[in-house]
Amino acid sequence: MIPAWRRALILCGAVIVVDQLTKSIVRASILPNDSHQVLAGILDLTNASNRGVAFGALAGGGAVVAALIGLALGALIIYFVMRSDTPHLWIPVGLLLGGALGNLADRARMGSVTDFIDPRLWPAFNVADMCVVFGVLVLLWVIEGSPAPGDG
């Protein structure tokens, strides 16, 4: 059986690869701030640059954003190390780490994150963002379904 930490790292790596690959394809095929319609009036592919975090919040706060993300990831890793025997905990850990690191790679390399999935009625986002949101939801599900220490 593959240890939980190894499964988390494999999932993290897969998220980073898919995230960076999709962003690279968008940057190579769609001009900045341009869109291609996928579903009329519902969904576009847009090459958008996001200097903030979710929906552009904290734009320009590079060091603050990086520090907050670092603290959150550190807390997640500590929690995982302390509870690595919790069933399925590796899934949200892999999703959250991969999503955060995928977006951090963009910030480090370009100073902003490439967003491209544009549902028109919602701000544009990317694969890393989806993994972070899904990771949080799965983390809550895993935590709520796991017995507290000592509950057996």
C-alpha atoms as a PDB file:
ATOM      1  CA  MET A   1       0.000   0.000   0.000  1.00  0.00           C
ATOM      2  CA  ILE A   2       1.266   3.463  -0.880  1.00  0.00           C
ATOM      3  CA  PRO A   3       1.751   5.690   2.197  1.00  0.00           C
ATOM      4  CA  ALA A   4      -0.643   8.648   2.536  1.00  0.00           C
ATOM      5  CA  TRP A   5       2.140  11.244   2.221  1.00  0.00           C
ATOM      6  CA  ARG A   6       3.270   9.702  -1.079  1.00  0.00           C
ATOM      7  CA  ARG A   7      -0.294   9.685  -2.452  1.00  0.00           C
ATOM      8  CA  ALA A   8      -0.658  13.348  -1.438  1.00  0.00           C
ATOM      9  CA  LEU A   9       2.588  14.226  -3.233  1.00  0.00           C
ATOM     10  CA  ILE A  10       1.564  12.323  -6.382  1.00  0.00           C
ATOM     11  CA  LEU A  11      -1.792  14.126  -6.456  1.00  0.00           C
ATOM     12  CA  CYS A  12      -0.076  17.458  -5.755  1.00  0.00           C
ATOM     13  CA  GLY A  13       2.313  16.883  -8.657  1.00  0.00           C
ATOM     14  CA  ALA A  14      -0.524  15.894 -10.996  1.00  0.00           C
ATOM     15  CA  VAL A  15      -2.465  19.054 -10.107  1.00  0.00           C
ATOM     16  CA  ILE A  16       0.592  21.235 -10.751  1.00  0.00           C
ATOM     17  CA  VAL A  17       1.283  19.576 -14.120  1.00  0.00           C
ATOM     18  CA  VAL A  18      -2.329  19.872 -15.345  1.00  0.00           C
ATOM     19  CA  ASP A  19      -2.623  23.445 -14.026  1.00  0.00           C
ATOM     20  CA  GLN A  20       0.615  24.661 -15.586  1.00  0.00           C
ATOM     21  CA  LEU A  21      -0.056  22.836 -18.863  1.00  0.00           C
ATOM     22  CA  THR A  22      -3.539  24.308 -19.286  1.00  0.00           C
ATOM     23  CA  LYS A  23      -2.321  27.811 -18.433  1.00  0.00           C
ATOM     24  CA  SER A  24       0.553  27.461 -20.897  1.00  0.00           C
ATOM     25  CA  ILE A  25      -1.837  26.364 -23.664  1.00  0.00           C
ATOM     26  CA  VAL A  26      -4.094  29.358 -22.971  1.00  0.00           C
ATOM     27  CA  ARG A  27      -1.190  31.838 -22.931  1.00  0.00           C
ATOM     28  CA  ALA A  28       0.096  30.382 -26.233  1.00  0.00           C
ATOM     29  CA  SER A  29      -3.258  30.349 -28.022  1.00  0.00           C
ATOM     30  CA  ILE A  30      -5.258  33.316 -26.684  1.00  0.00           C
ATOM     31  CA  LEU A  31      -3.985  36.888 -26.616  1.00  0.00           C
ATOM     32  CA  PRO A  32      -3.971  38.622 -23.205  1.00  0.00           C
ATOM     33  CA  ASN A  33      -7.448  39.866 -22.254  1.00  0.00           C
ATOM     34  CA  ASP A  34      -8.953  38.158 -25.310  1.00  0.00           C
ATOM     35  CA  SER A  35     -11.713  35.525 -25.167  1.00  0.00           C
ATOM     36  CA  HIS A  36     -12.936  32.571 -27.199  1.00  0.00           C
ATOM     37  CA  GLN A  37     -16.576  31.625 -26.836  1.00  0.00           C
ATOM     38  CA  VAL A  38     -17.207  28.016 -25.773  1.00  0.00           C
ATOM     39  CA  LEU A  39     -20.927  28.124 -24.912  1.00  0.00           C
ATOM     40  CA  ALA A  40     -22.793  31.190 -26.171  1.00  0.00           C
ATOM     41  CA  GLY A  41     -23.417  33.634 -23.336  1.00  0.00           C
ATOM     42  CA  ILE A  42     -22.435  31.075 -20.702  1.00  0.00           C
ATOM     43  CA  LEU A  43     -18.759  30.109 -20.927  1.00  0.00           C
ATOM     44  CA  ASP A  44     -15.681  31.636 -22.511  1.00  0.00           C
ATOM     45  CA  LEU A  45     -12.003  30.823 -22.447  1.00  0.00           C
ATOM     46  CA  THR A  46     -10.283  34.081 -21.527  1.00  0.00           C
ATOM     47  CA  ASN A  47      -6.596  34.842 -21.058  1.00  0.00           C
ATOM     48  CA  ALA A  48      -6.901  36.914 -17.892  1.00  0.00           C
ATOM     49  CA  SER A  49      -4.145  38.033 -15.544  1.00  0.00           C
ATOM     50  CA  ASN A  50      -4.967  38.108 -11.820  1.00  0.00           C
ATOM     51  CA  ARG A  51      -2.557  39.920  -9.488  1.00  0.00           C
ATOM     52  CA  GLY A  52      -4.680  39.287  -6.397  1.00  0.00           C
ATOM     53  CA  VAL A  53      -6.094  36.184  -4.800  1.00  0.00           C
ATOM     54  CA  ALA A  54      -9.700  35.025  -5.187  1.00  0.00           C
ATOM     55  CA  PHE A  55     -11.513  37.359  -7.603  1.00  0.00           C
ATOM     56  CA  GLY A  56      -8.600  39.820  -7.561  1.00  0.00           C
ATOM     57  CA  ALA A  57      -8.761  40.606  -3.821  1.00  0.00           C
ATOM     58  CA  LEU A  58      -5.468  41.803  -2.298  1.00  0.00           C
ATOM     59  CA  ALA A  59      -4.074  42.778  -5.706  1.00  0.00           C
ATOM     60  CA  GLY A  60      -0.610  44.231  -5.305  1.00  0.00           C
ATOM     61  CA  GLY A  61      -0.081  42.566  -1.933  1.00  0.00           C
ATOM     62  CA  GLY A  62       2.596  40.175  -3.228  1.00  0.00           C
ATOM     63  CA  ALA A  63       4.569  39.646  -0.005  1.00  0.00           C
ATOM     64  CA  VAL A  64       1.432  39.608   2.162  1.00  0.00           C
ATOM     65  CA  VAL A  65      -0.305  37.142  -0.151  1.00  0.00           C
ATOM     66  CA  ALA A  66       2.754  34.872  -0.257  1.00  0.00           C
ATOM     67  CA  ALA A  67       3.081  34.979   3.542  1.00  0.00           C
ATOM     68  CA  LEU A  68      -0.600  34.151   4.090  1.00  0.00           C
ATOM     69  CA  ILE A  69      -0.452  31.288   1.611  1.00  0.00           C
ATOM     70  CA  GLY A  70       2.754  30.026   3.247  1.00  0.00           C
ATOM     71  CA  LEU A  71       1.147  30.092   6.698  1.00  0.00           C
ATOM     72  CA  ALA A  72      -1.959  28.285   5.465  1.00  0.00           C
ATOM     73  CA  LEU A  73       0.103  25.607   3.704  1.00  0.00           C
ATOM     74  CA  GLY A  74       2.330  25.210   6.760  1.00  0.00           C
ATOM     75  CA  ALA A  75      -0.721  24.681   8.971  1.00  0.00           C
ATOM     76  CA  LEU A  76      -2.135  22.165   6.473  1.00  0.00           C
ATOM     77  CA  ILE A  77       1.130  20.199   6.392  1.00  0.00           C
ATOM     78  CA  ILE A  78       1.368  20.165  10.199  1.00  0.00           C
ATOM     79  CA  TYR A  79      -2.229  18.939  10.428  1.00  0.00           C
ATOM     80  CA  PHE A  80      -1.511  16.249   7.836  1.00  0.00           C
ATOM     81  CA  VAL A  81       1.620  15.080   9.656  1.00  0.00           C
ATOM     82  CA  MET A  82      -0.312  14.841  12.926  1.00  0.00           C
ATOM     83  CA  ARG A  83      -3.332  13.081  11.359  1.00  0.00           C
ATOM     84  CA  SER A  84      -1.859  11.273   8.333  1.00  0.00           C
ATOM     85  CA  ASP A  85      -3.666   8.074   9.344  1.00  0.00           C
ATOM     86  CA  THR A  86      -7.033   9.792   8.795  1.00  0.00           C
ATOM     87  CA  PRO A  87      -8.741   8.036   5.875  1.00  0.00           C
ATOM     88  CA  HIS A  88      -8.725  10.054   2.640  1.00  0.00           C
ATOM     89  CA  LEU A  89      -6.945  13.072   4.195  1.00  0.00           C
ATOM     90  CA  TRP A  90      -4.288  12.790   1.508  1.00  0.00           C
ATOM     91  CA  ILE A  91      -6.838  13.818  -1.140  1.00  0.00           C
ATOM     92  CA  PRO A  92      -7.581  17.363   0.082  1.00  0.00           C
ATOM     93  CA  VAL A  93      -3.943  17.824   1.099  1.00  0.00           C
ATOM     94  CA  GLY A  94      -2.778  16.926  -2.423  1.00  0.00           C
ATOM     95  CA  LEU A  95      -5.434  19.131  -4.039  1.00  0.00           C
ATOM     96  CA  LEU A  96      -4.737  22.126  -1.784  1.00  0.00           C
ATOM     97  CA  LEU A  97      -0.950  21.896  -2.049  1.00  0.00           C
ATOM     98  CA  GLY A  98      -1.050  21.390  -5.810  1.00  0.00           C
ATOM     99  CA  GLY A  99      -3.483  24.241  -6.372  1.00  0.00           C
ATOM    100  CA  ALA A 100      -1.610  26.661  -4.139  1.00  0.00           C
ATOM    101  CA  LEU A 101       1.788  25.749  -5.591  1.00  0.00           C
ATOM    102  CA  GLY A 102       0.457  25.987  -9.161  1.00  0.00           C
ATOM    103  CA  ASN A 103      -0.716  29.551  -8.572  1.00  0.00           C
ATOM    104  CA  LEU A 104       2.416  30.442  -6.592  1.00  0.00           C
ATOM    105  CA  ALA A 105       4.529  29.276  -9.548  1.00  0.00           C
ATOM    106  CA  ASP A 106       2.681  31.781 -11.753  1.00  0.00           C
ATOM    107  CA  ARG A 107       3.183  34.569  -9.208  1.00  0.00           C
ATOM    108  CA  ALA A 108       6.896  33.829  -8.907  1.00  0.00           C
ATOM    109  CA  ARG A 109       7.418  33.566 -12.657  1.00  0.00           C
ATOM    110  CA  MET A 110       5.095  36.292 -13.989  1.00  0.00           C
ATOM    111  CA  GLY A 111       3.898  38.357 -11.027  1.00  0.00           C
ATOM    112  CA  SER A 112       0.295  37.279 -11.593  1.00  0.00           C
ATOM    113  CA  VAL A 113      -1.869  34.194 -12.052  1.00  0.00           C
ATOM    114  CA  THR A 114      -3.327  33.189 -15.403  1.00  0.00           C
ATOM    115  CA  ASP A 115      -7.093  32.625 -15.186  1.00  0.00           C
ATOM    116  CA  PHE A 116      -8.947  31.293 -18.203  1.00  0.00           C
ATOM    117  CA  ILE A 117     -12.198  29.514 -17.339  1.00  0.00           C
ATOM    118  CA  ASP A 118     -14.695  32.353 -17.635  1.00  0.00           C
ATOM    119  CA  PRO A 119     -18.327  31.459 -16.830  1.00  0.00           C
ATOM    120  CA  ARG A 120     -19.394  35.047 -17.660  1.00  0.00           C
ATOM    121  CA  LEU A 121     -21.561  35.370 -14.527  1.00  0.00           C
ATOM    122  CA  TRP A 122     -18.576  34.632 -12.274  1.00  0.00           C
ATOM    123  CA  PRO A 123     -14.961  35.849 -12.291  1.00  0.00           C
ATOM    124  CA  ALA A 124     -12.504  33.814 -14.365  1.00  0.00           C
ATOM    125  CA  PHE A 125     -10.556  31.041 -12.639  1.00  0.00           C
ATOM    126  CA  ASN A 126      -8.160  28.174 -13.437  1.00  0.00           C
ATOM    127  CA  VAL A 127      -7.482  24.509 -12.645  1.00  0.00           C
ATOM    128  CA  ALA A 128      -5.491  25.385  -9.507  1.00  0.00           C
ATOM    129  CA  ASP A 129      -8.410  27.459  -8.200  1.00  0.00           C
ATOM    130  CA  MET A 130     -10.818  24.566  -8.784  1.00  0.00           C
ATOM    131  CA  CYS A 131      -8.507  22.208  -6.905  1.00  0.00           C
ATOM    132  CA  VAL A 132      -8.229  24.612  -3.961  1.00  0.00           C
ATOM    133  CA  VAL A 133     -12.023  24.990  -3.703  1.00  0.00           C
ATOM    134  CA  PHE A 134     -12.640  21.262  -4.101  1.00  0.00           C
ATOM    135  CA  GLY A 135      -9.770  20.573  -1.665  1.00  0.00           C
ATOM    136  CA  VAL A 136     -11.367  22.744   1.017  1.00  0.00           C
ATOM    137  CA  LEU A 137     -14.726  21.017   0.556  1.00  0.00           C
ATOM    138  CA  VAL A 138     -13.162  17.540   0.725  1.00  0.00           C
ATOM    139  CA  LEU A 139     -11.073  18.586   3.750  1.00  0.00           C
ATOM    140  CA  LEU A 140     -14.242  19.627   5.583  1.00  0.00           C
ATOM    141  CA  TRP A 141     -15.905  16.344   4.613  1.00  0.00           C
ATOM    142  CA  VAL A 142     -12.906  14.293   5.794  1.00  0.00           C
ATOM    143  CA  ILE A 143     -12.598  16.221   9.075  1.00  0.00           C
ATOM    144  CA  GLU A 144     -16.324  15.982   9.813  1.00  0.00           C
ATOM    145  CA  GLY A 145     -16.330  12.267   9.061  1.00  0.00           C
ATOM    146  CA  SER A 146     -13.256  11.478  11.159  1.00  0.00           C
ATOM    147  CA  PRO A 147     -13.468  10.703  14.861  1.00  0.00           C
ATOM    148  CA  ALA A 148     -11.677  13.131  17.151  1.00  0.00           C
ATOM    149  CA  PRO A 149      -8.497  11.837  18.828  1.00  0.00           C
ATOM    150  CA  GLY A 150      -9.525   9.550  21.683  1.00  0.00           C
ATOM    151  CA  ASP A 151     -13.044   8.927  20.332  1.00  0.00           C
ATOM    152  CA  GLY A 152     -11.950   5.567  18.872  1.00  0.00           C
END
